[in-house]
Protein backbone atom coordinates (compact mmCIF):
# COMPACT_ATOMS: atom_id res chain seq x y z
CA MET A 1 -12.22 66.88 -12.61
CA THR A 2 -9.61 67.04 -15.24
CA GLN A 3 -8.01 63.58 -16.98
CA GLU A 4 -4.89 64.22 -14.73
CA THR A 5 -6.67 63.59 -11.74
CA THR A 6 -9.00 60.58 -12.61
CA VAL A 7 -5.70 59.12 -14.07
CA ARG A 8 -3.82 59.68 -10.77
CA ASN A 9 -6.77 58.22 -8.76
CA ALA A 10 -7.48 55.01 -10.99
CA PRO A 11 -6.17 51.88 -9.58
CA THR A 12 -2.82 50.81 -11.37
CA PRO A 13 -3.05 47.21 -12.73
CA ALA A 14 0.58 46.56 -12.40
CA ARG A 15 0.53 47.01 -8.46
CA SER A 16 -2.39 45.53 -7.77
CA ALA A 17 -1.09 42.24 -9.29
CA ARG A 18 1.79 42.31 -7.41
CA PRO A 19 0.78 40.74 -4.06
CA ALA A 20 -1.53 38.23 -5.98
CA ALA A 21 1.76 37.35 -8.12
CA ARG A 22 3.78 36.89 -5.13
CA SER A 23 1.47 34.90 -2.87
CA ALA A 24 1.42 32.52 -5.73
CA GLN A 25 4.99 32.29 -5.50
CA ALA A 26 5.22 31.83 -2.42
CA SER A 27 2.56 28.77 -2.40
CA ALA A 28 4.43 27.37 -5.20
CA ASP A 29 8.02 27.69 -3.33
CA PRO A 30 8.02 26.30 0.25
CA SER A 31 11.36 27.92 0.72
CA ALA A 32 9.44 31.23 0.63
CA ARG A 33 7.52 30.82 3.81
CA SER A 34 9.02 30.45 7.53
CA GLY A 35 7.81 28.13 10.32
CA PRO A 36 6.62 24.35 11.03
CA ALA A 37 4.47 24.56 8.08
CA ALA A 38 6.86 25.73 5.77
CA THR A 39 9.09 23.18 7.17
CA SER A 40 6.74 20.37 6.28
CA ALA A 41 6.16 21.53 2.96
CA ILE A 42 9.82 21.78 2.32
CA ARG A 43 10.16 18.16 3.25
CA ARG A 44 7.17 17.03 1.07
CA HIS A 45 8.95 18.93 -1.88
CA GLU A 46 12.15 17.12 -1.33
CA LEU A 47 10.25 13.68 -0.89
CA ALA A 48 8.20 13.96 -3.99
CA ALA A 49 11.50 15.12 -5.90
CA PHE A 50 13.34 12.63 -4.46
CA LEU A 51 10.63 9.74 -5.53
CA ARG A 52 10.45 11.20 -9.11
CA HIS A 53 13.97 10.97 -9.63
CA ARG A 54 14.87 7.66 -8.27
CA ARG A 55 11.43 6.47 -10.62
CA GLU A 56 12.82 7.94 -13.59
CA HIS A 57 16.50 6.28 -13.11
CA ILE A 58 14.90 2.37 -12.56
CA ALA A 59 14.77 0.52 -15.85
CA PRO A 60 11.76 -1.52 -15.98
CA GLU A 61 13.67 -4.87 -16.55
CA ARG A 62 15.28 -4.43 -12.82
CA VAL A 63 12.23 -5.15 -11.11
CA GLY A 64 10.77 -7.66 -13.63
CA LEU A 65 8.83 -5.68 -16.13
CA PRO A 66 8.92 -5.70 -19.70
CA ARG A 67 10.15 -2.35 -21.59
CA GLY A 68 7.59 -2.50 -24.28
CA VAL A 69 7.57 -0.38 -27.61
CA ARG A 70 5.26 2.58 -26.64
CA ARG A 71 7.15 3.60 -23.09
CA ARG A 72 7.81 7.11 -23.15
CA THR A 73 9.12 7.51 -19.52
CA PRO A 74 12.60 6.89 -19.11
CA GLY A 75 12.34 4.59 -15.97
CA LEU A 76 8.91 3.18 -14.08
CA ARG A 77 5.48 4.49 -14.60
CA ARG A 78 3.80 6.19 -11.65
CA GLU A 79 1.02 3.47 -12.34
CA GLU A 80 3.78 0.85 -12.24
CA VAL A 81 5.61 1.92 -8.81
CA ALA A 82 1.98 1.93 -7.10
CA GLN A 83 1.77 -1.68 -8.28
CA LEU A 84 4.59 -3.17 -7.04
CA SER A 85 4.17 -1.20 -3.84
CA ALA A 86 0.61 -1.97 -3.42
CA VAL A 87 -0.90 1.30 -3.00
CA GLY A 88 -3.29 3.45 -5.20
CA VAL A 89 -2.19 5.22 -8.12
CA THR A 90 -3.93 8.53 -7.09
CA TRP A 91 -2.07 8.12 -3.61
CA TYR A 92 1.06 7.68 -5.05
CA THR A 93 0.51 10.69 -7.76
CA TRP A 94 -0.40 12.67 -4.57
CA LEU A 95 2.38 11.79 -2.92
CA GLU A 96 4.94 12.94 -5.76
CA GLN A 97 3.22 15.86 -5.95
CA GLY A 98 4.05 16.95 -2.45
CA ARG A 99 0.37 17.09 -1.09
CA ASP A 100 -0.27 16.95 2.56
CA ILE A 101 -0.93 13.22 3.34
CA GLN A 102 0.04 10.64 5.79
CA VAL A 103 2.73 7.88 4.94
CA SER A 104 2.77 4.83 7.12
CA VAL A 105 5.96 3.00 7.70
CA GLN A 106 4.53 -0.07 5.74
CA VAL A 107 3.81 2.25 2.58
CA LEU A 108 7.53 3.57 3.29
CA ASP A 109 8.98 0.14 3.59
CA ALA A 110 7.37 -0.81 0.31
CA LEU A 111 8.39 2.21 -1.78
CA ALA A 112 12.00 1.61 -0.34
CA ARG A 113 11.94 -1.82 -1.84
CA THR A 114 10.19 -0.97 -5.18
CA LEU A 115 12.64 1.82 -5.72
CA LEU A 116 15.75 -0.11 -5.01
CA LEU A 117 16.86 2.21 -2.54
CA ASP A 118 20.09 1.59 -0.44
CA PRO A 119 20.67 1.75 3.18
CA GLY A 120 21.55 5.52 3.09
CA GLU A 121 18.71 6.48 0.46
CA ARG A 122 16.35 4.45 2.64
CA ALA A 123 17.39 6.43 5.79
CA PHE A 124 16.80 9.41 3.44
CA LEU A 125 13.50 8.56 2.53
CA PHE A 126 12.46 8.38 5.96
CA GLN A 127 13.80 11.02 7.06
CA LEU A 128 11.89 13.09 4.75
CA ALA A 129 8.78 11.55 5.81
CA GLY A 130 9.52 12.35 9.11
CA ALA A 131 9.03 8.50 10.10
CA THR A 132 11.46 6.28 11.96
CA ASP A 133 12.19 3.08 9.96
CA PRO A 134 11.11 -0.03 12.04
CA THR A 135 13.40 -2.57 10.30
CA PRO A 136 16.20 -3.50 12.96
CA ALA A 137 19.09 -1.77 11.87
CA THR A 138 21.19 -4.93 10.40
CA VAL A 139 22.85 -2.08 8.50
CA CYS A 140 23.81 1.13 10.14
CA PRO A 141 25.95 4.33 9.37
CA SER A 142 27.91 3.81 13.11
CA VAL A 143 29.21 0.42 12.05
CA THR A 144 32.04 2.04 10.42
CA PRO A 145 35.08 -0.32 9.00
CA ALA A 146 37.00 1.44 11.81
CA LEU A 147 34.95 0.20 14.30
CA ARG A 148 34.92 -3.40 12.97
CA ALA A 149 38.44 -3.27 13.39
CA VAL A 150 38.27 -2.03 16.98
CA LEU A 151 36.16 -5.00 17.88
CA GLU A 152 38.59 -7.62 16.11
CA GLN A 153 41.88 -5.85 18.27
CA LEU A 154 39.39 -6.20 21.34
CA GLU A 155 39.52 -10.30 20.91
CA PRO A 156 39.89 -12.41 22.90
CA PHE A 157 37.88 -9.69 24.76
CA PRO A 158 34.00 -9.96 23.89
CA ALA A 159 32.50 -6.77 22.56
CA CYS A 160 29.53 -5.40 20.09
CA LEU A 161 28.32 -2.56 18.95
CA GLN A 162 24.66 -1.77 20.05
CA ASN A 163 21.96 0.78 19.76
CA SER A 164 19.88 2.25 22.48
CA ARG A 165 17.40 -0.04 21.25
CA TYR A 166 19.29 -3.05 22.04
CA ASP A 167 19.60 -4.39 18.34
CA ILE A 168 22.97 -5.77 17.90
CA LEU A 169 24.76 -4.03 15.06
CA ALA A 170 28.09 -5.95 14.81
CA TYR A 171 30.23 -8.22 16.93
CA ASN A 172 33.48 -10.07 17.35
CA ARG A 173 33.97 -13.52 17.18
CA THR A 174 34.12 -14.21 21.16
CA TYR A 175 30.88 -12.28 21.39
CA GLY A 176 29.72 -14.33 18.58
CA LEU A 177 30.12 -17.30 20.88
CA LEU A 178 29.37 -16.06 24.37
CA PHE A 179 25.90 -16.55 24.95
CA CYS A 180 25.00 -18.71 22.07
CA ASP A 181 26.12 -19.27 18.50
CA LEU A 182 24.70 -15.91 17.06
CA GLU A 183 25.48 -16.69 13.63
CA THR A 184 22.45 -19.20 13.73
CA VAL A 185 20.06 -16.63 14.98
CA PRO A 186 18.27 -14.51 12.18
CA PRO A 187 19.24 -10.89 11.94
CA GLU A 188 16.20 -9.91 12.89
CA ASP A 189 16.19 -11.12 16.10
CA ARG A 190 19.69 -10.17 17.40
CA ASN A 191 18.41 -7.78 19.75
CA CYS A 192 19.66 -8.17 23.15
CA MET A 193 16.04 -7.86 24.88
CA ILE A 194 14.36 -10.40 22.53
CA LEU A 195 17.37 -12.65 23.14
CA SER A 196 17.27 -12.15 26.95
CA TYR A 197 13.48 -12.62 27.12
CA THR A 198 12.82 -15.35 24.81
CA HIS A 199 15.69 -17.35 23.46
CA GLU A 200 16.51 -20.41 25.93
CA GLU A 201 20.52 -20.96 25.12
CA TRP A 202 20.97 -17.11 25.84
CA ARG A 203 18.79 -17.22 28.72
CA SER A 204 20.71 -20.16 30.07
CA SER A 205 23.85 -18.39 29.87
CA ILE A 206 23.19 -15.74 32.18
CA VAL A 207 24.02 -16.73 35.68
CA HIS A 208 22.00 -14.46 37.22
CA LEU A 209 19.04 -14.12 34.99
CA GLU A 210 16.40 -12.68 37.46
CA ASP A 211 18.30 -9.86 38.24
CA ALA A 212 19.68 -9.28 34.74
CA LEU A 213 15.80 -9.23 32.87
CA ARG A 214 14.97 -6.88 35.91
CA HIS A 215 18.03 -4.42 35.01
CA MET A 216 17.55 -4.77 31.29
CA ALA A 217 13.52 -3.79 31.44
CA ALA A 218 14.74 -1.13 33.71
CA ARG A 219 17.16 0.57 31.18
CA PHE A 220 14.80 -0.12 28.37
CA ARG A 221 12.34 2.24 29.88
CA ALA A 222 14.83 4.82 30.85
CA ALA A 223 15.98 4.65 27.01
CA MET A 224 12.46 4.88 25.53
CA ALA A 225 11.56 7.71 27.46
CA GLY A 226 13.14 9.82 24.42
CA HIS A 227 11.68 7.48 21.62
CA LEU A 228 7.67 7.08 22.53
CA GLY A 229 6.27 7.94 19.46
CA GLU A 230 8.59 5.85 17.17
CA PRO A 231 7.26 2.71 15.35
CA ALA A 232 10.48 0.80 15.92
CA TRP A 233 10.51 0.90 19.80
CA LYS A 234 6.66 0.54 20.41
CA THR A 235 6.95 -2.65 17.64
CA LEU A 236 9.70 -4.03 20.12
CA LEU A 237 7.82 -3.02 23.15
CA LYS A 238 4.47 -5.10 21.86
CA ARG A 239 6.58 -7.79 20.43
CA LEU A 240 8.32 -8.49 24.00
CA ARG A 241 4.90 -7.94 25.86
CA ASP A 242 3.30 -10.16 23.99
CA THR A 243 5.43 -13.22 23.88
CA SER A 244 7.45 -12.89 27.62
CA PRO A 245 5.53 -13.02 30.91
CA ASP A 246 9.00 -12.11 32.21
CA PHE A 247 9.17 -9.32 30.45
CA ARG A 248 5.42 -7.89 31.13
CA GLU A 249 6.53 -8.31 35.06
CA ALA A 250 9.45 -6.71 34.84
CA TRP A 251 7.59 -3.74 32.55
CA ASP A 252 4.79 -3.65 35.07
CA ARG A 253 7.22 -2.52 37.95
CA HIS A 254 7.89 0.94 36.13
CA GLU A 255 11.39 0.98 37.17
CA VAL A 256 14.03 3.15 35.66
CA VAL A 257 17.72 3.25 35.79
CA SER A 258 20.59 4.69 34.07
CA PRO A 259 23.23 2.51 31.93
CA ALA A 260 26.07 1.71 34.13
CA SER A 261 29.35 -0.67 34.29
CA LYS A 262 28.60 -3.74 36.18
CA ARG A 263 30.01 -7.17 36.91
CA LYS A 264 28.50 -9.80 35.17
CA GLU A 265 28.74 -13.66 35.31
CA PHE A 266 28.23 -15.85 32.08
CA ARG A 267 27.78 -19.70 31.88
CA ASN A 268 29.28 -20.95 28.70
CA PRO A 269 28.71 -24.35 27.34
CA HIS A 270 32.24 -24.60 25.93
CA VAL A 271 34.54 -23.02 28.43
CA GLY A 272 32.15 -23.03 31.53
CA ARG A 273 31.53 -19.78 33.89
CA VAL A 274 33.24 -16.88 32.86
CA THR A 275 33.37 -13.25 35.24
CA VAL A 276 33.39 -10.36 33.25
CA ASP A 277 33.16 -6.45 34.12
CA HIS A 278 30.73 -4.62 31.42
CA THR A 279 31.47 -1.32 30.18
CA ASP A 280 29.57 1.01 27.69
CA LEU A 281 31.47 3.02 25.58
CA TRP A 282 29.23 5.71 23.89
CA LEU A 283 29.93 6.87 20.25
CA SER A 284 28.20 10.09 20.39
CA PRO A 285 27.33 12.72 23.26
CA GLU A 286 23.98 11.45 22.67
CA VAL A 287 22.94 8.35 24.37
CA GLY A 288 22.71 5.79 21.47
CA PRO A 289 24.98 3.68 19.80
CA ARG A 290 27.64 2.37 22.00
CA MET A 291 30.39 -0.03 21.93
CA VAL A 292 29.88 -2.84 24.77
CA THR A 293 32.52 -4.40 26.52
CA TYR A 294 33.39 -7.55 28.42
CA VAL A 295 36.84 -7.59 30.11
CA PRO A 296 37.72 -10.44 32.49
CA ALA A 297 37.51 -9.79 35.83
CA ASP A 298 40.02 -12.75 37.04
CA ASP A 299 42.96 -14.89 35.50
CA GLU A 300 40.48 -17.83 35.13
CA SER A 301 38.06 -16.18 32.97
CA ARG A 302 40.40 -14.32 30.65
CA GLU A 303 42.12 -17.80 29.91
CA ARG A 304 38.71 -19.30 29.24
CA LEU A 305 37.82 -16.21 27.21
CA GLU A 306 41.18 -16.88 25.51
CA LYS A 307 39.83 -20.46 24.71
CA LEU A 308 36.55 -19.53 23.57
CA HIS A 309 38.44 -16.93 20.85
CA ALA A 310 40.33 -20.12 19.44
CA LEU A 311 37.28 -22.04 19.11
CA ALA A 312 35.46 -19.23 17.47
CA LEU A 313 38.63 -18.98 14.92
CA GLU A 314 38.68 -22.76 14.54
CA ARG A 315 34.85 -22.69 13.60
CA ARG A 316 35.37 -19.82 11.33
CA GLN A 317 37.78 -21.35 9.53
CA SER A 318 36.12 -24.66 9.28
CA PRO A 319 34.98 -25.43 5.54
CA THR A 320 31.87 -27.69 7.23
CA ARG A 321 30.61 -24.77 8.90
CA PRO A 322 27.28 -23.69 7.27
């Protein structure tokens, strides 16, 4: 065998190393792969980068920590974020390294608070983690200044913005006094399901309460079909079942009904009985955020809603109002 033949048959180091190099590059760069596993890896990579960036841009003084003289990190240390969020340092380090670990909504909530995330950043954090924020949507991207202006222009007709979970995202002044003084209700309790099943003043304002509660439970069951695994929905369902026998009875009927316009009657302590036509104005092609409007069904109800609106304006302008 000649020397030339021996050289030709020998393995080429450069060629044999290329597949290994490409494999290492693919494992380091999630975008080089495809499929569900790759998508999950990309999200973990983005989550890790986002957490590192936010941590490095928060001065220790903003979270009540001393800067000290030996601090090399421009922002917070990993150990400090872990301590403030009540999680293990090793676990948080793995999270910043993009490892495939489970993250609970409670931990995500703690991290969002520690890292001083605004509503948009908080939503981004939960989205990257593949989780649903269980906190009621007191701040919602759907509530734009334009929609708030529309709510105000609809007065004296009561109107509000709700999501499909019945959280009240925004409302005008007439709506704020229609069922009860909504300003006195804590933001986390401003949910029509919670109020209709547990708030006595709200319940007393609904003339046909039993029918209304049964209808709401059926609508809620229909809406929940698309959110069965989401923590916020499960938390709301558990709270309703734990606190309201009326809800348990209605829920166990397994009735389902789609949203529809309906005539309703309310008993207001300030102006008396009003009859309105309820209409849902959907804000997107999907069944999600909507504007709920109550248009008076007769002249007497219109006059009473005008009086209620005037009272709401008077209360808003009163310097003694808390």
